[in-house]
């Protein structure tokens, strides 16, 4: 679970930025279902390897598309159900310098 003070947050990450200086922005929205794949609503064991593979698939797609802005739904921040991986941070490691977070549900 997250501290309530981090439910709405803007962050800046230090990383190399490549800007094309054009006036066209690409935006992608993606419900990653906390990387659980088709097991999201099933009472089955979800091995860490499955989450790792699904994360790699997501990262591969974003490398191909290379959007300027990504909007996520169902992303986990250090949640036990997804093996305490900060999924936002993993995606930011692709080189996105900014992030904004709005949490609307947190299991307590």
PDB file of N, CA and C in Angstrom:
ATOM      1  N   UNK A   1       0.833  -1.185   0.000  1.00  0.00           N
ATOM      2  CA  UNK A   1       0.000   0.000   0.000  1.00  0.00           C
ATOM      3  C   UNK A   1       0.876   1.247   0.000  1.00  0.00           C
ATOM      4  N   UNK A   2       0.295   2.309  -0.486  1.00  0.00           N
ATOM      5  CA  UNK A   2       1.002   3.587  -0.557  1.00  0.00           C
ATOM      6  C   UNK A   2       0.590   4.482   0.596  1.00  0.00           C
ATOM      7  N   UNK A   3       1.476   5.347   0.994  1.00  0.00           N
ATOM      8  CA  UNK A   3       1.135   6.398   1.922  1.00  0.00           C
ATOM      9  C   UNK A   3       0.174   7.343   1.201  1.00  0.00           C
ATOM     10  N   UNK A   4      -0.883   7.765   1.877  1.00  0.00           N
ATOM     11  CA  UNK A   4      -1.889   8.607   1.225  1.00  0.00           C
ATOM     12  C   UNK A   4      -1.307   9.896   0.663  1.00  0.00           C
ATOM     13  N   UNK A   5      -0.216  10.371   1.197  1.00  0.00           N
ATOM     14  CA  UNK A   5       0.389  11.601   0.682  1.00  0.00           C
ATOM     15  C   UNK A   5       0.944  11.420  -0.725  1.00  0.00           C
ATOM     16  N   UNK A   6       1.117  10.181  -1.179  1.00  0.00           N
ATOM     17  CA  UNK A   6       1.649   9.950  -2.530  1.00  0.00           C
ATOM     18  C   UNK A   6       0.569   9.555  -3.528  1.00  0.00           C
ATOM     19  N   UNK A   7      -0.720   9.689  -3.164  1.00  0.00           N
ATOM     20  CA  UNK A   7      -1.808   9.337  -4.082  1.00  0.00           C
ATOM     21  C   UNK A   7      -1.839  10.242  -5.312  1.00  0.00           C
ATOM     22  N   UNK A   8      -1.495  11.485  -5.164  1.00  0.00           N
ATOM     23  CA  UNK A   8      -1.422  12.409  -6.293  1.00  0.00           C
ATOM     24  C   UNK A   8      -0.030  13.021  -6.246  1.00  0.00           C
ATOM     25  N   UNK A   9       0.746  12.769  -7.285  1.00  0.00           N
ATOM     26  CA  UNK A   9       2.154  13.154  -7.202  1.00  0.00           C
ATOM     27  C   UNK A   9       2.729  13.392  -8.590  1.00  0.00           C
ATOM     28  N   UNK A  10       3.543  14.420  -8.708  1.00  0.00           N
ATOM     29  CA  UNK A  10       4.331  14.665  -9.909  1.00  0.00           C
ATOM     30  C   UNK A  10       5.781  14.387  -9.566  1.00  0.00           C
ATOM     31  N   UNK A  11       6.485  13.721 -10.464  1.00  0.00           N
ATOM     32  CA  UNK A  11       7.880  13.373 -10.216  1.00  0.00           C
ATOM     33  C   UNK A  11       8.729  13.723 -11.419  1.00  0.00           C
ATOM     34  N   UNK A  12       9.981  14.022 -11.181  1.00  0.00           N
ATOM     35  CA  UNK A  12      10.940  14.244 -12.257  1.00  0.00           C
ATOM     36  C   UNK A  12      12.103  13.303 -12.035  1.00  0.00           C
ATOM     37  N   UNK A  13      12.466  12.593 -13.078  1.00  0.00           N
ATOM     38  CA  UNK A  13      13.573  11.648 -13.014  1.00  0.00           C
ATOM     39  C   UNK A  13      14.718  12.201 -13.857  1.00  0.00           C
ATOM     40  N   UNK A  14      15.916  12.088 -13.366  1.00  0.00           N
ATOM     41  CA  UNK A  14      17.070  12.530 -14.129  1.00  0.00           C
ATOM     42  C   UNK A  14      17.447  11.444 -15.123  1.00  0.00           C
ATOM     43  N   UNK A  15      17.304  11.754 -16.396  1.00  0.00           N
ATOM     44  CA  UNK A  15      17.695  10.814 -17.449  1.00  0.00           C
ATOM     45  C   UNK A  15      17.908  11.614 -18.729  1.00  0.00           C
ATOM     46  N   UNK A  16      18.640  11.053 -19.669  1.00  0.00           N
ATOM     47  CA  UNK A  16      18.843  11.750 -20.936  1.00  0.00           C
ATOM     48  C   UNK A  16      17.514  11.945 -21.651  1.00  0.00           C
ATOM     49  N   UNK A  17      17.297  13.132 -22.170  1.00  0.00           N
ATOM     50  CA  UNK A  17      16.052  13.437 -22.868  1.00  0.00           C
ATOM     51  C   UNK A  17      16.361  13.697 -24.334  1.00  0.00           C
ATOM     52  N   UNK A  18      15.591  13.069 -25.192  1.00  0.00           N
ATOM     53  CA  UNK A  18      15.710  13.299 -26.627  1.00  0.00           C
ATOM     54  C   UNK A  18      14.423  13.959 -27.101  1.00  0.00           C
ATOM     55  N   UNK A  19      14.510  15.198 -27.531  1.00  0.00           N
ATOM     56  CA  UNK A  19      13.337  15.945 -27.968  1.00  0.00           C
ATOM     57  C   UNK A  19      13.479  16.258 -29.446  1.00  0.00           C
ATOM     58  N   UNK A  20      12.411  15.969 -30.196  1.00  0.00           N
ATOM     59  CA  UNK A  20      12.435  16.180 -31.639  1.00  0.00           C
ATOM     60  C   UNK A  20      12.061  17.601 -32.047  1.00  0.00           C
ATOM     61  N   UNK A  21      11.570  18.419 -31.103  1.00  0.00           N
ATOM     62  CA  UNK A  21      11.170  19.796 -31.388  1.00  0.00           C
ATOM     63  C   UNK A  21      10.117  19.906 -32.477  1.00  0.00           C
ATOM     64  N   UNK A  22       9.262  18.908 -32.593  1.00  0.00           N
ATOM     65  CA  UNK A  22       8.141  19.051 -33.510  1.00  0.00           C
ATOM     66  C   UNK A  22       6.897  19.383 -32.690  1.00  0.00           C
ATOM     67  N   UNK A  23       5.800  19.669 -33.350  1.00  0.00           N
ATOM     68  CA  UNK A  23       4.585  20.063 -32.642  1.00  0.00           C
ATOM     69  C   UNK A  23       3.589  18.913 -32.546  1.00  0.00           C
ATOM     70  N   UNK A  24       4.030  17.712 -32.816  1.00  0.00           N
ATOM     71  CA  UNK A  24       3.150  16.548 -32.767  1.00  0.00           C
ATOM     72  C   UNK A  24       3.535  15.692 -31.570  1.00  0.00           C
ATOM     73  N   UNK A  25       2.548  15.389 -30.744  1.00  0.00           N
ATOM     74  CA  UNK A  25       2.767  14.530 -29.592  1.00  0.00           C
ATOM     75  C   UNK A  25       2.019  13.223 -29.791  1.00  0.00           C
ATOM     76  N   UNK A  26       2.628  12.149 -29.364  1.00  0.00           N
ATOM     77  CA  UNK A  26       1.932  10.863 -29.404  1.00  0.00           C
ATOM     78  C   UNK A  26       1.586  10.451 -27.977  1.00  0.00           C
ATOM     79  N   UNK A  27       0.343  10.004 -27.805  1.00  0.00           N
ATOM     80  CA  UNK A  27      -0.154   9.599 -26.497  1.00  0.00           C
ATOM     81  C   UNK A  27      -0.677   8.176 -26.597  1.00  0.00           C
ATOM     82  N   UNK A  28      -0.286   7.347 -25.644  1.00  0.00           N
ATOM     83  CA  UNK A  28      -0.768   5.969 -25.584  1.00  0.00           C
ATOM     84  C   UNK A  28      -1.402   5.757 -24.220  1.00  0.00           C
ATOM     85  N   UNK A  29      -2.551   5.115 -24.196  1.00  0.00           N
ATOM     86  CA  UNK A  29      -3.158   4.706 -22.939  1.00  0.00           C
ATOM     87  C   UNK A  29      -3.172   3.185 -22.896  1.00  0.00           C
ATOM     88  N   UNK A  30      -2.917   2.625 -21.721  1.00  0.00           N
ATOM     89  CA  UNK A  30      -2.730   1.180 -21.636  1.00  0.00           C
ATOM     90  C   UNK A  30      -3.173   0.691 -20.257  1.00  0.00           C
ATOM     91  N   UNK A  31      -4.133  -0.224 -20.241  1.00  0.00           N
ATOM     92  CA  UNK A  31      -4.529  -0.879 -18.999  1.00  0.00           C
ATOM     93  C   UNK A  31      -3.676  -2.130 -18.876  1.00  0.00           C
ATOM     94  N   UNK A  32      -2.659  -2.076 -18.039  1.00  0.00           N
ATOM     95  CA  UNK A  32      -1.741  -3.216 -17.944  1.00  0.00           C
ATOM     96  C   UNK A  32      -2.222  -4.272 -16.949  1.00  0.00           C
ATOM     97  N   UNK A  33      -3.374  -4.033 -16.304  1.00  0.00           N
ATOM     98  CA  UNK A  33      -3.941  -5.040 -15.411  1.00  0.00           C
ATOM     99  C   UNK A  33      -2.950  -5.550 -14.384  1.00  0.00           C
ATOM    100  N   UNK A  34      -2.154  -4.663 -13.836  1.00  0.00           N
ATOM    101  CA  UNK A  34      -1.047  -4.914 -12.898  1.00  0.00           C
ATOM    102  C   UNK A  34      -0.143  -6.047 -13.357  1.00  0.00           C
ATOM    103  N   UNK A  35      -0.071  -6.244 -14.683  1.00  0.00           N
ATOM    104  CA  UNK A  35       0.799  -7.227 -15.350  1.00  0.00           C
ATOM    105  C   UNK A  35       0.402  -8.672 -15.057  1.00  0.00           C
ATOM    106  N   UNK A  36      -0.871  -8.880 -14.700  1.00  0.00           N
ATOM    107  CA  UNK A  36      -1.325 -10.229 -14.358  1.00  0.00           C
ATOM    108  C   UNK A  36      -1.833 -11.007 -15.562  1.00  0.00           C
ATOM    109  N   UNK A  37      -1.873 -10.376 -16.722  1.00  0.00           N
ATOM    110  CA  UNK A  37      -2.344 -11.076 -17.914  1.00  0.00           C
ATOM    111  C   UNK A  37      -3.790 -11.510 -17.769  1.00  0.00           C
ATOM    112  N   UNK A  38      -4.111 -12.650 -18.319  1.00  0.00           N
ATOM    113  CA  UNK A  38      -5.485 -13.145 -18.289  1.00  0.00           C
ATOM    114  C   UNK A  38      -5.846 -13.800 -16.952  1.00  0.00           C
ATOM    115  N   UNK A  39      -4.948 -13.773 -15.985  1.00  0.00           N
ATOM    116  CA  UNK A  39      -5.234 -14.362 -14.673  1.00  0.00           C
ATOM    117  C   UNK A  39      -5.789 -13.329 -13.701  1.00  0.00           C
ATOM    118  N   UNK A  40      -6.018 -12.110 -14.165  1.00  0.00           N
ATOM    119  CA  UNK A  40      -6.383 -10.988 -13.309  1.00  0.00           C
ATOM    120  C   UNK A  40      -7.477 -11.325 -12.301  1.00  0.00           C
ATOM    121  N   UNK A  41      -8.574 -11.903 -12.746  1.00  0.00           N
ATOM    122  CA  UNK A  41      -9.702 -12.169 -11.855  1.00  0.00           C
ATOM    123  C   UNK A  41      -9.863 -13.652 -11.541  1.00  0.00           C
ATOM    124  N   UNK A  42      -8.824 -14.414 -11.688  1.00  0.00           N
ATOM    125  CA  UNK A  42      -8.894 -15.850 -11.417  1.00  0.00           C
ATOM    126  C   UNK A  42      -8.158 -16.180 -10.124  1.00  0.00           C
ATOM    127  N   UNK A  43      -8.708 -17.136  -9.405  1.00  0.00           N
ATOM    128  CA  UNK A  43      -8.078 -17.577  -8.157  1.00  0.00           C
ATOM    129  C   UNK A  43      -7.030 -18.633  -8.476  1.00  0.00           C
ATOM    130  N   UNK A  44      -5.945 -18.194  -9.077  1.00  0.00           N
ATOM    131  CA  UNK A  44      -4.853 -19.098  -9.439  1.00  0.00           C
ATOM    132  C   UNK A  44      -3.547 -18.505  -8.926  1.00  0.00           C
ATOM    133  N   UNK A  45      -2.567 -19.354  -8.747  1.00  0.00           N
ATOM    134  CA  UNK A  45      -1.238 -18.883  -8.349  1.00  0.00           C
ATOM    135  C   UNK A  45      -0.619 -18.134  -9.524  1.00  0.00           C
ATOM    136  N   UNK A  46      -0.101 -16.969  -9.238  1.00  0.00           N
ATOM    137  CA  UNK A  46       0.508 -16.129 -10.271  1.00  0.00           C
ATOM    138  C   UNK A  46       2.008 -16.056 -10.000  1.00  0.00           C
ATOM    139  N   UNK A  47       2.802 -16.845 -10.708  1.00  0.00           N
ATOM    140  CA  UNK A  47       4.249 -16.869 -10.446  1.00  0.00           C
ATOM    141  C   UNK A  47       4.942 -15.569 -10.861  1.00  0.00           C
ATOM    142  N   UNK A  48       6.007 -15.225 -10.172  1.00  0.00           N
ATOM    143  CA  UNK A  48       6.765 -14.007 -10.479  1.00  0.00           C
ATOM    144  C   UNK A  48       7.248 -13.999 -11.923  1.00  0.00           C
ATOM    145  N   UNK A  49       7.619 -15.152 -12.441  1.00  0.00           N
ATOM    146  CA  UNK A  49       8.099 -15.249 -13.829  1.00  0.00           C
ATOM    147  C   UNK A  49       7.046 -14.715 -14.802  1.00  0.00           C
ATOM    148  N   UNK A  50       5.765 -14.969 -14.526  1.00  0.00           N
ATOM    149  CA  UNK A  50       4.695 -14.465 -15.381  1.00  0.00           C
ATOM    150  C   UNK A  50       4.686 -12.932 -15.374  1.00  0.00           C
ATOM    151  N   UNK A  51       4.808 -12.336 -14.187  1.00  0.00           N
ATOM    152  CA  UNK A  51       4.842 -10.873 -14.093  1.00  0.00           C
ATOM    153  C   UNK A  51       6.066 -10.310 -14.814  1.00  0.00           C
ATOM    154  N   UNK A  52       7.210 -10.959 -14.638  1.00  0.00           N
ATOM    155  CA  UNK A  52       8.438 -10.511 -15.307  1.00  0.00           C
ATOM    156  C   UNK A  52       8.289 -10.576 -16.824  1.00  0.00           C
ATOM    157  N   UNK A  53       7.712 -11.662 -17.328  1.00  0.00           N
ATOM    158  CA  UNK A  53       7.500 -11.806 -18.776  1.00  0.00           C
ATOM    159  C   UNK A  53       6.533 -10.754 -19.298  1.00  0.00           C
ATOM    160  N   UNK A  54       5.448 -10.504 -18.546  1.00  0.00           N
ATOM    161  CA  UNK A  54       4.479  -9.502 -18.984  1.00  0.00           C
ATOM    162  C   UNK A  54       5.074  -8.098 -18.949  1.00  0.00           C
ATOM    163  N   UNK A  55       5.916  -7.812 -17.965  1.00  0.00           N
ATOM    164  CA  UNK A  55       6.595  -6.517 -17.925  1.00  0.00           C
ATOM    165  C   UNK A  55       7.491  -6.364 -19.146  1.00  0.00           C
ATOM    166  N   UNK A  56       8.207  -7.400 -19.489  1.00  0.00           N
ATOM    167  CA  UNK A  56       9.094  -7.340 -20.657  1.00  0.00           C
ATOM    168  C   UNK A  56       8.299  -7.099 -21.937  1.00  0.00           C
ATOM    169  N   UNK A  57       7.111  -7.703 -22.044  1.00  0.00           N
ATOM    170  CA  UNK A  57       6.249  -7.478 -23.217  1.00  0.00           C
ATOM    171  C   UNK A  57       5.804  -6.020 -23.288  1.00  0.00           C
ATOM    172  N   UNK A  58       5.398  -5.467 -22.149  1.00  0.00           N
ATOM    173  CA  UNK A  58       4.970  -4.069 -22.102  1.00  0.00           C
ATOM    174  C   UNK A  58       6.127  -3.152 -22.497  1.00  0.00           C
ATOM    175  N   UNK A  59       7.302  -3.382 -21.934  1.00  0.00           N
ATOM    176  CA  UNK A  59       8.466  -2.546 -22.249  1.00  0.00           C
ATOM    177  C   UNK A  59       8.839  -2.653 -23.726  1.00  0.00           C
ATOM    178  N   UNK A  60       8.766  -3.841 -24.286  1.00  0.00           N
ATOM    179  CA  UNK A  60       9.081  -4.043 -25.706  1.00  0.00           C
ATOM    180  C   UNK A  60       8.128  -3.249 -26.588  1.00  0.00           C
ATOM    181  N   UNK A  61       6.840  -3.273 -26.259  1.00  0.00           N
ATOM    182  CA  UNK A  61       5.855  -2.524 -27.054  1.00  0.00           C
ATOM    183  C   UNK A  61       6.112  -1.025 -26.972  1.00  0.00           C
ATOM    184  N   UNK A  62       6.429  -0.528 -25.788  1.00  0.00           N
ATOM    185  CA  UNK A  62       6.684   0.907 -25.664  1.00  0.00           C
ATOM    186  C   UNK A  62       7.966   1.325 -26.359  1.00  0.00           C
ATOM    187  N   UNK A  63       8.938   0.462 -26.407  1.00  0.00           N
ATOM    188  CA  UNK A  63      10.152   0.774 -27.168  1.00  0.00           C
ATOM    189  C   UNK A  63       9.822   0.904 -28.648  1.00  0.00           C
ATOM    190  N   UNK A  64       8.913   0.067 -29.138  1.00  0.00           N
ATOM    191  CA  UNK A  64       8.517   0.123 -30.558  1.00  0.00           C
ATOM    192  C   UNK A  64       7.721   1.384 -30.860  1.00  0.00           C
ATOM    193  N   UNK A  65       6.733   1.658 -30.024  1.00  0.00           N
ATOM    194  CA  UNK A  65       5.818   2.781 -30.269  1.00  0.00           C
ATOM    195  C   UNK A  65       6.464   4.113 -29.900  1.00  0.00           C
ATOM    196  N   UNK A  66       7.251   4.126 -28.824  1.00  0.00           N
ATOM    197  CA  UNK A  66       7.972   5.307 -28.352  1.00  0.00           C
ATOM    198  C   UNK A  66       7.077   6.543 -28.207  1.00  0.00           C
ATOM    199  N   UNK A  67       6.006   6.435 -27.418  1.00  0.00           N
ATOM    200  CA  UNK A  67       5.108   7.583 -27.272  1.00  0.00           C
ATOM    201  C   UNK A  67       5.727   8.684 -26.416  1.00  0.00           C
ATOM    202  N   UNK A  68       5.233   9.902 -26.622  1.00  0.00           N
ATOM    203  CA  UNK A  68       5.675  11.021 -25.793  1.00  0.00           C
ATOM    204  C   UNK A  68       5.038  10.958 -24.406  1.00  0.00           C
ATOM    205  N   UNK A  69       3.785  10.516 -24.361  1.00  0.00           N
ATOM    206  CA  UNK A  69       3.027  10.462 -23.113  1.00  0.00           C
ATOM    207  C   UNK A  69       2.366   9.095 -23.007  1.00  0.00           C
ATOM    208  N   UNK A  70       2.447   8.499 -21.824  1.00  0.00           N
ATOM    209  CA  UNK A  70       1.792   7.219 -21.558  1.00  0.00           C
ATOM    210  C   UNK A  70       0.817   7.417 -20.402  1.00  0.00           C
ATOM    211  N   UNK A  71      -0.418   6.950 -20.577  1.00  0.00           N
ATOM    212  CA  UNK A  71      -1.409   6.959 -19.498  1.00  0.00           C
ATOM    213  C   UNK A  71      -1.722   5.510 -19.139  1.00  0.00           C
ATOM    214  N   UNK A  72      -1.500   5.157 -17.887  1.00  0.00           N
ATOM    215  CA  UNK A  72      -1.714   3.778 -17.443  1.00  0.00           C
ATOM    216  C   UNK A  72      -2.942   3.662 -16.573  1.00  0.00           C
ATOM    217  N   UNK A  73      -3.545   2.506 -16.644  1.00  0.00           N
ATOM    218  CA  UNK A  73      -4.567   2.117 -15.688  1.00  0.00           C
ATOM    219  C   UNK A  73      -4.120   0.782 -15.093  1.00  0.00           C
ATOM    220  N   UNK A  74      -4.537   0.547 -13.857  1.00  0.00           N
ATOM    221  CA  UNK A  74      -4.231  -0.699 -13.146  1.00  0.00           C
ATOM    222  C   UNK A  74      -2.727  -0.981 -13.108  1.00  0.00           C
ATOM    223  N   UNK A  75      -2.008  -0.046 -12.529  1.00  0.00           N
ATOM    224  CA  UNK A  75      -0.560  -0.185 -12.376  1.00  0.00           C
ATOM    225  C   UNK A  75      -0.254  -0.278 -10.878  1.00  0.00           C
ATOM    226  N   UNK A  76       0.667  -1.144 -10.513  1.00  0.00           N
ATOM    227  CA  UNK A  76       0.997  -1.350  -9.101  1.00  0.00           C
ATOM    228  C   UNK A  76       2.269  -0.608  -8.710  1.00  0.00           C
ATOM    229  N   UNK A  77       2.262  -0.131  -7.465  1.00  0.00           N
ATOM    230  CA  UNK A  77       3.400   0.548  -6.859  1.00  0.00           C
ATOM    231  C   UNK A  77       3.808  -0.259  -5.632  1.00  0.00           C
ATOM    232  N   UNK A  78       4.737  -1.176  -5.792  1.00  0.00           N
ATOM    233  CA  UNK A  78       5.245  -1.949  -4.659  1.00  0.00           C
ATOM    234  C   UNK A  78       4.151  -2.765  -3.962  1.00  0.00           C
ATOM    235  N   UNK A  79       3.276  -3.394  -4.742  1.00  0.00           N
ATOM    236  CA  UNK A  79       2.185  -4.197  -4.179  1.00  0.00           C
ATOM    237  C   UNK A  79       2.603  -5.661  -4.054  1.00  0.00           C
ATOM    238  N   UNK A  80       2.156  -6.298  -3.002  1.00  0.00           N
ATOM    239  CA  UNK A  80       2.525  -7.701  -2.788  1.00  0.00           C
ATOM    240  C   UNK A  80       1.960  -8.606  -3.881  1.00  0.00           C
ATOM    241  N   UNK A  81       0.782  -8.270  -4.434  1.00  0.00           N
ATOM    242  CA  UNK A  81       0.181  -9.136  -5.456  1.00  0.00           C
ATOM    243  C   UNK A  81       1.021  -9.209  -6.722  1.00  0.00           C
ATOM    244  N   UNK A  82       1.906  -8.226  -6.933  1.00  0.00           N
ATOM    245  CA  UNK A  82       2.782  -8.231  -8.108  1.00  0.00           C
ATOM    246  C   UNK A  82       4.255  -8.254  -7.683  1.00  0.00           C
ATOM    247  N   UNK A  83       4.507  -8.915  -6.583  1.00  0.00           N
ATOM    248  CA  UNK A  83       5.870  -9.179  -6.093  1.00  0.00           C
ATOM    249  C   UNK A  83       6.661  -7.910  -5.781  1.00  0.00           C
ATOM    250  N   UNK A  84       5.968  -6.896  -5.285  1.00  0.00           N
ATOM    251  CA  UNK A  84       6.575  -5.655  -4.807  1.00  0.00           C
ATOM    252  C   UNK A  84       7.441  -4.937  -5.840  1.00  0.00           C
ATOM    253  N   UNK A  85       7.079  -5.070  -7.098  1.00  0.00           N
ATOM    254  CA  UNK A  85       7.767  -4.337  -8.161  1.00  0.00           C
ATOM    255  C   UNK A  85       7.035  -3.014  -8.361  1.00  0.00           C
ATOM    256  N   UNK A  86       7.765  -1.916  -8.373  1.00  0.00           N
ATOM    257  CA  UNK A  86       7.174  -0.622  -8.692  1.00  0.00           C
ATOM    258  C   UNK A  86       7.086  -0.547 -10.215  1.00  0.00           C
ATOM    259  N   UNK A  87       5.904  -0.870 -10.747  1.00  0.00           N
ATOM    260  CA  UNK A  87       5.735  -0.966 -12.194  1.00  0.00           C
ATOM    261  C   UNK A  87       5.930   0.384 -12.879  1.00  0.00           C
ATOM    262  N   UNK A  88       5.534   1.458 -12.226  1.00  0.00           N
ATOM    263  CA  UNK A  88       5.764   2.789 -12.792  1.00  0.00           C
ATOM    264  C   UNK A  88       7.261   3.029 -12.990  1.00  0.00           C
ATOM    265  N   UNK A  89       8.051   2.725 -11.978  1.00  0.00           N
ATOM    266  CA  UNK A  89       9.495   2.960 -12.060  1.00  0.00           C
ATOM    267  C   UNK A  89      10.136   2.127 -13.164  1.00  0.00           C
ATOM    268  N   UNK A  90       9.698   0.892 -13.321  1.00  0.00           N
ATOM    269  CA  UNK A  90      10.242   0.034 -14.375  1.00  0.00           C
ATOM    270  C   UNK A  90       9.992   0.641 -15.751  1.00  0.00           C
ATOM    271  N   UNK A  91       8.821   1.217 -15.944  1.00  0.00           N
ATOM    272  CA  UNK A  91       8.489   1.824 -17.236  1.00  0.00           C
ATOM    273  C   UNK A  91       9.246   3.140 -17.418  1.00  0.00           C
ATOM    274  N   UNK A  92       9.386   3.914 -16.344  1.00  0.00           N
ATOM    275  CA  UNK A  92      10.150   5.163 -16.432  1.00  0.00           C
ATOM    276  C   UNK A  92      11.603   4.909 -16.807  1.00  0.00           C
ATOM    277  N   UNK A  93      12.108   3.742 -16.480  1.00  0.00           N
ATOM    278  CA  UNK A  93      13.490   3.407 -16.824  1.00  0.00           C
ATOM    279  C   UNK A  93      13.730   3.356 -18.329  1.00  0.00           C
ATOM    280  N   UNK A  94      12.661   3.403 -19.129  1.00  0.00           N
ATOM    281  CA  UNK A  94      12.822   3.490 -20.583  1.00  0.00           C
ATOM    282  C   UNK A  94      13.351   4.861 -20.996  1.00  0.00           C
ATOM    283  N   UNK A  95      13.319   5.832 -20.083  1.00  0.00           N
ATOM    284  CA  UNK A  95      13.845   7.156 -20.388  1.00  0.00           C
ATOM    285  C   UNK A  95      12.823   8.265 -20.296  1.00  0.00           C
ATOM    286  N   UNK A  96      11.700   8.008 -19.644  1.00  0.00           N
ATOM    287  CA  UNK A  96      10.700   9.058 -19.468  1.00  0.00           C
ATOM    288  C   UNK A  96      11.086   9.905 -18.264  1.00  0.00           C
ATOM    289  N   UNK A  97      11.280  11.219 -18.459  1.00  0.00           N
ATOM    290  CA  UNK A  97      11.796  12.050 -17.376  1.00  0.00           C
ATOM    291  C   UNK A  97      10.744  12.489 -16.357  1.00  0.00           C
ATOM    292  N   UNK A  98       9.457  12.431 -16.704  1.00  0.00           N
ATOM    293  CA  UNK A  98       8.416  12.913 -15.807  1.00  0.00           C
ATOM    294  C   UNK A  98       7.353  11.841 -15.619  1.00  0.00           C
ATOM    295  N   UNK A  99       6.708  11.899 -14.469  1.00  0.00           N
ATOM    296  CA  UNK A  99       5.554  11.038 -14.249  1.00  0.00           C
ATOM    297  C   UNK A  99       4.546  11.777 -13.380  1.00  0.00           C
ATOM    298  N   UNK A 100       3.295  11.435 -13.555  1.00  0.00           N
ATOM    299  CA  UNK A 100       2.216  11.949 -12.719  1.00  0.00           C
ATOM    300  C   UNK A 100       1.389  10.753 -12.287  1.00  0.00           C
ATOM    301  N   UNK A 101       0.999  10.759 -11.044  1.00  0.00           N
ATOM    302  CA  UNK A 101       0.289   9.613 -10.493  1.00  0.00           C
ATOM    303  C   UNK A 101      -1.001  10.093  -9.853  1.00  0.00           C
ATOM    304  N   UNK A 102      -2.076   9.355 -10.086  1.00  0.00           N
ATOM    305  CA  UNK A 102      -3.350   9.595  -9.419  1.00  0.00           C
ATOM    306  C   UNK A 102      -3.918   8.261  -8.978  1.00  0.00           C
ATOM    307  N   UNK A 103      -3.855   7.972  -7.699  1.00  0.00           N
ATOM    308  CA  UNK A 103      -4.333   6.689  -7.175  1.00  0.00           C
ATOM    309  C   UNK A 103      -5.796   6.847  -6.777  1.00  0.00           C
ATOM    310  N   UNK A 104      -6.644   5.954  -7.288  1.00  0.00           N
ATOM    311  CA  UNK A 104      -8.053   6.019  -6.924  1.00  0.00           C
ATOM    312  C   UNK A 104      -8.508   4.789  -6.145  1.00  0.00           C
ATOM    313  N   UNK A 105      -7.612   3.847  -5.902  1.00  0.00           N
ATOM    314  CA  UNK A 105      -7.935   2.667  -5.095  1.00  0.00           C
ATOM    315  C   UNK A 105      -6.662   2.139  -4.480  1.00  0.00           C
ATOM    316  N   UNK A 106      -6.733   1.847  -3.201  1.00  0.00           N
ATOM    317  CA  UNK A 106      -5.579   1.299  -2.505  1.00  0.00           C
ATOM    318  C   UNK A 106      -6.096   0.316  -1.465  1.00  0.00           C
ATOM    319  N   UNK A 107      -5.716  -0.943  -1.608  1.00  0.00           N
ATOM    320  CA  UNK A 107      -6.151  -1.963  -0.660  1.00  0.00           C
ATOM    321  C   UNK A 107      -5.482  -1.716   0.683  1.00  0.00           C
ATOM    322  N   UNK A 108      -6.257  -1.629   1.693  1.00  0.00           N
ATOM    323  CA  UNK A 108      -5.725  -1.399   3.051  1.00  0.00           C
ATOM    324  C   UNK A 108      -6.161  -2.515   3.961  1.00  0.00           C
TER     325      UNK A 108
END
